[in-house]
Amino acid sequence: MKLSHIALVPTIFINIIALLRATENDIHFNLGRNLLYCLATGETVCYVKRLGGHWALIYREPTSTLDST
C-alpha cells in the first residue's frame, strides 16, 4: 500500500491517515472486522488494530481459505 498526503512525525513510529481521503479513493473502514477494504472489489487492503483511541494499520500475509486437498 502506498500512503500519500501523510503527516511525518519523526518521534512517532506510525503514519496518520485521514479516513475521508481514503473513502474518496474507494477505501473504507470496517470496524466490525478491523480492516480497510476496497468497496468496488471487497478486497482487504490492510488490517487495523485499536491502540487506545487510535487505529494502527497492520500488515498480515493473506491466508488461503481454500482446502488444498
PDB file of N, CA and C in Angstrom:
ATOM      1  N   MET A   1       0.852  -1.161   0.000  1.00  0.00           N
ATOM      2  CA  MET A   1       0.000   0.000   0.000  1.00  0.00           C
ATOM      3  C   MET A   1       0.901   1.227   0.000  1.00  0.00           C
ATOM      4  N   LYS A   2       0.556   2.215  -0.815  1.00  0.00           N
ATOM      5  CA  LYS A   2       1.299   3.461  -0.869  1.00  0.00           C
ATOM      6  C   LYS A   2       0.508   4.536  -0.140  1.00  0.00           C
ATOM      7  N   LEU A   3       1.132   5.166   0.835  1.00  0.00           N
ATOM      8  CA  LEU A   3       0.484   6.256   1.556  1.00  0.00           C
ATOM      9  C   LEU A   3       0.987   7.577   1.003  1.00  0.00           C
ATOM     10  N   SER A   4       0.084   8.507   0.771  1.00  0.00           N
ATOM     11  CA  SER A   4       0.467   9.853   0.359  1.00  0.00           C
ATOM     12  C   SER A   4      -0.351  10.848   1.171  1.00  0.00           C
ATOM     13  N   HIS A   5       0.081  12.089   1.193  1.00  0.00           N
ATOM     14  CA  HIS A   5      -0.584  13.133   1.982  1.00  0.00           C
ATOM     15  C   HIS A   5      -0.659  12.720   3.446  1.00  0.00           C
ATOM     16  N   ILE A   6       0.470  12.324   4.007  1.00  0.00           N
ATOM     17  CA  ILE A   6       0.521  11.903   5.405  1.00  0.00           C
ATOM     18  C   ILE A   6       1.308  12.915   6.227  1.00  0.00           C
ATOM     19  N   ALA A   7       1.131  12.876   7.515  1.00  0.00           N
ATOM     20  CA  ALA A   7       1.874  13.740   8.418  1.00  0.00           C
ATOM     21  C   ALA A   7       3.107  12.989   8.902  1.00  0.00           C
ATOM     22  N   LEU A   8       4.280  13.565   8.715  1.00  0.00           N
ATOM     23  CA  LEU A   8       5.516  12.952   9.182  1.00  0.00           C
ATOM     24  C   LEU A   8       5.837  13.489  10.570  1.00  0.00           C
ATOM     25  N   VAL A   9       5.869  12.594  11.527  1.00  0.00           N
ATOM     26  CA  VAL A   9       6.252  12.944  12.894  1.00  0.00           C
ATOM     27  C   VAL A   9       7.389  12.005  13.265  1.00  0.00           C
ATOM     28  N   PRO A  10       8.647  12.477  13.169  1.00  0.00           N
ATOM     29  CA  PRO A  10       9.809  11.593  13.357  1.00  0.00           C
ATOM     30  C   PRO A  10       9.836  10.854  14.695  1.00  0.00           C
ATOM     31  N   THR A  11       9.221  11.395  15.730  1.00  0.00           N
ATOM     32  CA  THR A  11       9.266  10.747  17.045  1.00  0.00           C
ATOM     33  C   THR A  11       8.170   9.704  17.226  1.00  0.00           C
ATOM     34  N   ILE A  12       7.266   9.588  16.266  1.00  0.00           N
ATOM     35  CA  ILE A  12       6.194   8.604  16.336  1.00  0.00           C
ATOM     36  C   ILE A  12       6.401   7.587  15.227  1.00  0.00           C
ATOM     37  N   PHE A  13       6.282   6.311  15.531  1.00  0.00           N
ATOM     38  CA  PHE A  13       6.602   5.257  14.576  1.00  0.00           C
ATOM     39  C   PHE A  13       5.417   4.822  13.718  1.00  0.00           C
ATOM     40  N   ILE A  14       4.351   5.598  13.664  1.00  0.00           N
ATOM     41  CA  ILE A  14       3.198   5.236  12.841  1.00  0.00           C
ATOM     42  C   ILE A  14       2.880   6.365  11.872  1.00  0.00           C
ATOM     43  N   ASN A  15       2.136   6.065  10.819  1.00  0.00           N
ATOM     44  CA  ASN A  15       1.631   7.065   9.890  1.00  0.00           C
ATOM     45  C   ASN A  15       0.187   7.364  10.238  1.00  0.00           C
ATOM     46  N   ILE A  16      -0.186   8.612  10.084  1.00  0.00           N
ATOM     47  CA  ILE A  16      -1.552   9.036  10.346  1.00  0.00           C
ATOM     48  C   ILE A  16      -2.234   9.256   9.002  1.00  0.00           C
ATOM     49  N   ILE A  17      -3.381   8.617   8.800  1.00  0.00           N
ATOM     50  CA  ILE A  17      -4.110   8.803   7.554  1.00  0.00           C
ATOM     51  C   ILE A  17      -5.490   9.371   7.863  1.00  0.00           C
ATOM     52  N   ALA A  18      -6.059  10.051   6.887  1.00  0.00           N
ATOM     53  CA  ALA A  18      -7.403  10.605   7.033  1.00  0.00           C
ATOM     54  C   ALA A  18      -8.397   9.649   6.397  1.00  0.00           C
ATOM     55  N   LEU A  19      -9.377   9.216   7.158  1.00  0.00           N
ATOM     56  CA  LEU A  19     -10.373   8.299   6.638  1.00  0.00           C
ATOM     57  C   LEU A  19     -11.153   8.936   5.488  1.00  0.00           C
ATOM     58  N   LEU A  20     -11.379  10.245   5.548  1.00  0.00           N
ATOM     59  CA  LEU A  20     -12.074  10.930   4.463  1.00  0.00           C
ATOM     60  C   LEU A  20     -11.300  10.787   3.151  1.00  0.00           C
ATOM     61  N   ARG A  21      -9.981  10.964   3.196  1.00  0.00           N
ATOM     62  CA  ARG A  21      -9.171  10.833   1.985  1.00  0.00           C
ATOM     63  C   ARG A  21      -9.205   9.389   1.480  1.00  0.00           C
ATOM     64  N   ALA A  22      -9.224   8.434   2.374  1.00  0.00           N
ATOM     65  CA  ALA A  22      -9.289   7.028   1.975  1.00  0.00           C
ATOM     66  C   ALA A  22     -10.612   6.728   1.278  1.00  0.00           C
ATOM     67  N   THR A  23     -11.720   7.181   1.855  1.00  0.00           N
ATOM     68  CA  THR A  23     -13.021   6.895   1.251  1.00  0.00           C
ATOM     69  C   THR A  23     -13.166   7.579  -0.106  1.00  0.00           C
ATOM     70  N   GLU A  24     -12.533   8.729  -0.290  1.00  0.00           N
ATOM     71  CA  GLU A  24     -12.539   9.392  -1.595  1.00  0.00           C
ATOM     72  C   GLU A  24     -11.818   8.538  -2.646  1.00  0.00           C
ATOM     73  N   ASN A  25     -10.964   7.615  -2.197  1.00  0.00           N
ATOM     74  CA  ASN A  25     -10.226   6.714  -3.091  1.00  0.00           C
ATOM     75  C   ASN A  25     -10.762   5.287  -3.018  1.00  0.00           C
ATOM     76  N   ASP A  26     -12.022   5.132  -2.602  1.00  0.00           N
ATOM     77  CA  ASP A  26     -12.735   3.853  -2.571  1.00  0.00           C
ATOM     78  C   ASP A  26     -12.187   2.865  -1.539  1.00  0.00           C
ATOM     79  N   ILE A  27     -11.505   3.374  -0.503  1.00  0.00           N
ATOM     80  CA  ILE A  27     -11.025   2.535   0.596  1.00  0.00           C
ATOM     81  C   ILE A  27     -11.880   2.865   1.812  1.00  0.00           C
ATOM     82  N   HIS A  28     -12.494   1.836   2.406  1.00  0.00           N
ATOM     83  CA  HIS A  28     -13.434   2.037   3.504  1.00  0.00           C
ATOM     84  C   HIS A  28     -13.010   1.234   4.736  1.00  0.00           C
ATOM     85  N   PHE A  29     -13.486   1.697   5.897  1.00  0.00           N
ATOM     86  CA  PHE A  29     -13.123   1.114   7.186  1.00  0.00           C
ATOM     87  C   PHE A  29     -14.253   0.218   7.670  1.00  0.00           C
ATOM     88  N   ASN A  30     -13.934  -1.023   8.016  1.00  0.00           N
ATOM     89  CA  ASN A  30     -14.916  -1.939   8.589  1.00  0.00           C
ATOM     90  C   ASN A  30     -14.534  -2.158  10.047  1.00  0.00           C
ATOM     91  N   LEU A  31     -15.201  -1.458  10.939  1.00  0.00           N
ATOM     92  CA  LEU A  31     -14.903  -1.526  12.366  1.00  0.00           C
ATOM     93  C   LEU A  31     -15.161  -2.907  12.943  1.00  0.00           C
ATOM     94  N   GLY A  32     -16.203  -3.573  12.473  1.00  0.00           N
ATOM     95  CA  GLY A  32     -16.543  -4.897  12.988  1.00  0.00           C
ATOM     96  C   GLY A  32     -15.504  -5.959  12.655  1.00  0.00           C
ATOM     97  N   ARG A  33     -14.870  -5.832  11.487  1.00  0.00           N
ATOM     98  CA  ARG A  33     -13.874  -6.823  11.056  1.00  0.00           C
ATOM     99  C   ARG A  33     -12.442  -6.308  11.218  1.00  0.00           C
ATOM    100  N   ASN A  34     -12.271  -5.069  11.695  1.00  0.00           N
ATOM    101  CA  ASN A  34     -10.953  -4.468  11.916  1.00  0.00           C
ATOM    102  C   ASN A  34     -10.094  -4.476  10.658  1.00  0.00           C
ATOM    103  N   LEU A  35     -10.611  -3.869   9.589  1.00  0.00           N
ATOM    104  CA  LEU A  35      -9.839  -3.809   8.352  1.00  0.00           C
ATOM    105  C   LEU A  35     -10.267  -2.652   7.474  1.00  0.00           C
ATOM    106  N   LEU A  36      -9.386  -2.304   6.532  1.00  0.00           N
ATOM    107  CA  LEU A  36      -9.705  -1.392   5.446  1.00  0.00           C
ATOM    108  C   LEU A  36      -9.901  -2.240   4.210  1.00  0.00           C
ATOM    109  N   TYR A  37     -10.888  -1.895   3.385  1.00  0.00           N
ATOM    110  CA  TYR A  37     -11.170  -2.703   2.199  1.00  0.00           C
ATOM    111  C   TYR A  37     -11.547  -1.807   1.031  1.00  0.00           C
ATOM    112  N   CYS A  38     -11.396  -2.333  -0.177  1.00  0.00           N
ATOM    113  CA  CYS A  38     -11.794  -1.640  -1.397  1.00  0.00           C
ATOM    114  C   CYS A  38     -13.278  -1.911  -1.620  1.00  0.00           C
ATOM    115  N   LEU A  39     -14.085  -0.856  -1.684  1.00  0.00           N
ATOM    116  CA  LEU A  39     -15.532  -1.031  -1.815  1.00  0.00           C
ATOM    117  C   LEU A  39     -15.899  -1.717  -3.132  1.00  0.00           C
ATOM    118  N   ALA A  40     -15.223  -1.360  -4.223  1.00  0.00           N
ATOM    119  CA  ALA A  40     -15.572  -1.901  -5.538  1.00  0.00           C
ATOM    120  C   ALA A  40     -15.359  -3.407  -5.635  1.00  0.00           C
ATOM    121  N   THR A  41     -14.275  -3.909  -5.013  1.00  0.00           N
ATOM    122  CA  THR A  41     -13.932  -5.330  -5.151  1.00  0.00           C
ATOM    123  C   THR A  41     -14.152  -6.140  -3.884  1.00  0.00           C
ATOM    124  N   GLY A  42     -14.265  -5.471  -2.736  1.00  0.00           N
ATOM    125  CA  GLY A  42     -14.374  -6.178  -1.463  1.00  0.00           C
ATOM    126  C   GLY A  42     -13.030  -6.689  -0.961  1.00  0.00           C
ATOM    127  N   GLU A  43     -11.957  -6.415  -1.698  1.00  0.00           N
ATOM    128  CA  GLU A  43     -10.618  -6.892  -1.331  1.00  0.00           C
ATOM    129  C   GLU A  43     -10.106  -6.181  -0.082  1.00  0.00           C
ATOM    130  N   THR A  44      -9.524  -6.940   0.844  1.00  0.00           N
ATOM    131  CA  THR A  44      -8.925  -6.368   2.046  1.00  0.00           C
ATOM    132  C   THR A  44      -7.657  -5.625   1.656  1.00  0.00           C
ATOM    133  N   VAL A  45      -7.555  -4.366   2.078  1.00  0.00           N
ATOM    134  CA  VAL A  45      -6.370  -3.550   1.817  1.00  0.00           C
ATOM    135  C   VAL A  45      -5.365  -3.751   2.934  1.00  0.00           C
ATOM    136  N   CYS A  46      -5.826  -3.687   4.186  1.00  0.00           N
ATOM    137  CA  CYS A  46      -4.970  -3.953   5.337  1.00  0.00           C
ATOM    138  C   CYS A  46      -5.842  -4.146   6.572  1.00  0.00           C
ATOM    139  N   TYR A  47      -5.253  -4.721   7.582  1.00  0.00           N
ATOM    140  CA  TYR A  47      -5.933  -4.920   8.856  1.00  0.00           C
ATOM    141  C   TYR A  47      -5.594  -3.763   9.783  1.00  0.00           C
ATOM    142  N   VAL A  48      -6.441  -3.509  10.763  1.00  0.00           N
ATOM    143  CA  VAL A  48      -6.202  -2.446  11.730  1.00  0.00           C
ATOM    144  C   VAL A  48      -6.321  -3.010  13.144  1.00  0.00           C
ATOM    145  N   LYS A  49      -5.679  -2.329  14.083  1.00  0.00           N
ATOM    146  CA  LYS A  49      -5.741  -2.732  15.487  1.00  0.00           C
ATOM    147  C   LYS A  49      -5.956  -1.475  16.311  1.00  0.00           C
ATOM    148  N   ARG A  50      -6.882  -1.534  17.237  1.00  0.00           N
ATOM    149  CA  ARG A  50      -7.143  -0.388  18.099  1.00  0.00           C
ATOM    150  C   ARG A  50      -6.053  -0.279  19.150  1.00  0.00           C
ATOM    151  N   LEU A  51      -5.468   0.910  19.227  1.00  0.00           N
ATOM    152  CA  LEU A  51      -4.445   1.215  20.223  1.00  0.00           C
ATOM    153  C   LEU A  51      -4.890   2.483  20.941  1.00  0.00           C
ATOM    154  N   GLY A  52      -5.493   2.312  22.098  1.00  0.00           N
ATOM    155  CA  GLY A  52      -6.053   3.463  22.800  1.00  0.00           C
ATOM    156  C   GLY A  52      -7.209   4.023  21.998  1.00  0.00           C
ATOM    157  N   GLY A  53      -7.171   5.310  21.681  1.00  0.00           N
ATOM    158  CA  GLY A  53      -8.227   5.930  20.903  1.00  0.00           C
ATOM    159  C   GLY A  53      -7.922   6.011  19.418  1.00  0.00           C
ATOM    160  N   HIS A  54      -6.906   5.276  18.967  1.00  0.00           N
ATOM    161  CA  HIS A  54      -6.486   5.326  17.564  1.00  0.00           C
ATOM    162  C   HIS A  54      -6.478   3.922  16.978  1.00  0.00           C
ATOM    163  N   TRP A  55      -6.421   3.855  15.655  1.00  0.00           N
ATOM    164  CA  TRP A  55      -6.338   2.577  14.950  1.00  0.00           C
ATOM    165  C   TRP A  55      -5.022   2.518  14.209  1.00  0.00           C
ATOM    166  N   ALA A  56      -4.273   1.436  14.366  1.00  0.00           N
ATOM    167  CA  ALA A  56      -2.990   1.250  13.681  1.00  0.00           C
ATOM    168  C   ALA A  56      -3.184   0.295  12.511  1.00  0.00           C
ATOM    169  N   LEU A  57      -2.552   0.615  11.374  1.00  0.00           N
ATOM    170  CA  LEU A  57      -2.608  -0.251  10.201  1.00  0.00           C
ATOM    171  C   LEU A  57      -1.597  -1.371  10.373  1.00  0.00           C
ATOM    172  N   ILE A  58      -2.015  -2.601  10.114  1.00  0.00           N
ATOM    173  CA  ILE A  58      -1.176  -3.776  10.336  1.00  0.00           C
ATOM    174  C   ILE A  58      -1.143  -4.611   9.069  1.00  0.00           C
ATOM    175  N   TYR A  59       0.051  -5.054   8.673  1.00  0.00           N
ATOM    176  CA  TYR A  59       0.172  -5.933   7.520  1.00  0.00           C
ATOM    177  C   TYR A  59       0.227  -7.378   7.994  1.00  0.00           C
ATOM    178  N   ARG A  60      -0.572  -8.213   7.375  1.00  0.00           N
ATOM    179  CA  ARG A  60      -0.542  -9.654   7.629  1.00  0.00           C
ATOM    180  C   ARG A  60      -0.571 -10.358   6.285  1.00  0.00           C
ATOM    181  N   GLU A  61       0.204 -11.426   6.144  1.00  0.00           N
ATOM    182  CA  GLU A  61       0.164 -12.222   4.920  1.00  0.00           C
ATOM    183  C   GLU A  61      -1.234 -12.800   4.777  1.00  0.00           C
ATOM    184  N   PRO A  62      -1.816 -12.714   3.587  1.00  0.00           N
ATOM    185  CA  PRO A  62      -3.134 -13.334   3.389  1.00  0.00           C
ATOM    186  C   PRO A  62      -3.059 -14.835   3.551  1.00  0.00           C
ATOM    187  N   THR A  63      -4.106 -15.406   4.106  1.00  0.00           N
ATOM    188  CA  THR A  63      -4.160 -16.865   4.245  1.00  0.00           C
ATOM    189  C   THR A  63      -5.232 -17.410   3.327  1.00  0.00           C
ATOM    190  N   SER A  64      -4.962 -18.536   2.733  1.00  0.00           N
ATOM    191  CA  SER A  64      -5.920 -19.156   1.830  1.00  0.00           C
ATOM    192  C   SER A  64      -7.013 -19.854   2.622  1.00  0.00           C
ATOM    193  N   THR A  65      -8.257 -19.650   2.199  1.00  0.00           N
ATOM    194  CA  THR A  65      -9.364 -20.334   2.858  1.00  0.00           C
ATOM    195  C   THR A  65      -9.791 -21.572   2.069  1.00  0.00           C
ATOM    196  N   LEU A  66      -9.104 -21.824   0.955  1.00  0.00           N
ATOM    197  CA  LEU A  66      -9.424 -22.986   0.139  1.00  0.00           C
ATOM    198  C   LEU A  66      -8.768 -24.243   0.691  1.00  0.00           C
ATOM    199  N   ASP A  67      -9.456 -25.348   0.635  1.00  0.00           N
ATOM    200  CA  ASP A  67      -8.902 -26.623   1.074  1.00  0.00           C
ATOM    201  C   ASP A  67      -7.918 -27.110   0.023  1.00  0.00           C
ATOM    202  N   SER A  68      -6.694 -27.427   0.416  1.00  0.00           N
ATOM    203  CA  SER A  68      -5.664 -27.823  -0.551  1.00  0.00           C
ATOM    204  C   SER A  68      -5.773 -29.289  -0.984  1.00  0.00           C
ATOM    205  N   THR A  69      -6.741 -30.041  -0.480  1.00  0.00           N
ATOM    206  CA  THR A  69      -6.874 -31.443  -0.872  1.00  0.00           C
ATOM    207  C   THR A  69      -7.785 -31.615  -2.049  1.00  0.00           C
TER     208      THR A  69
END
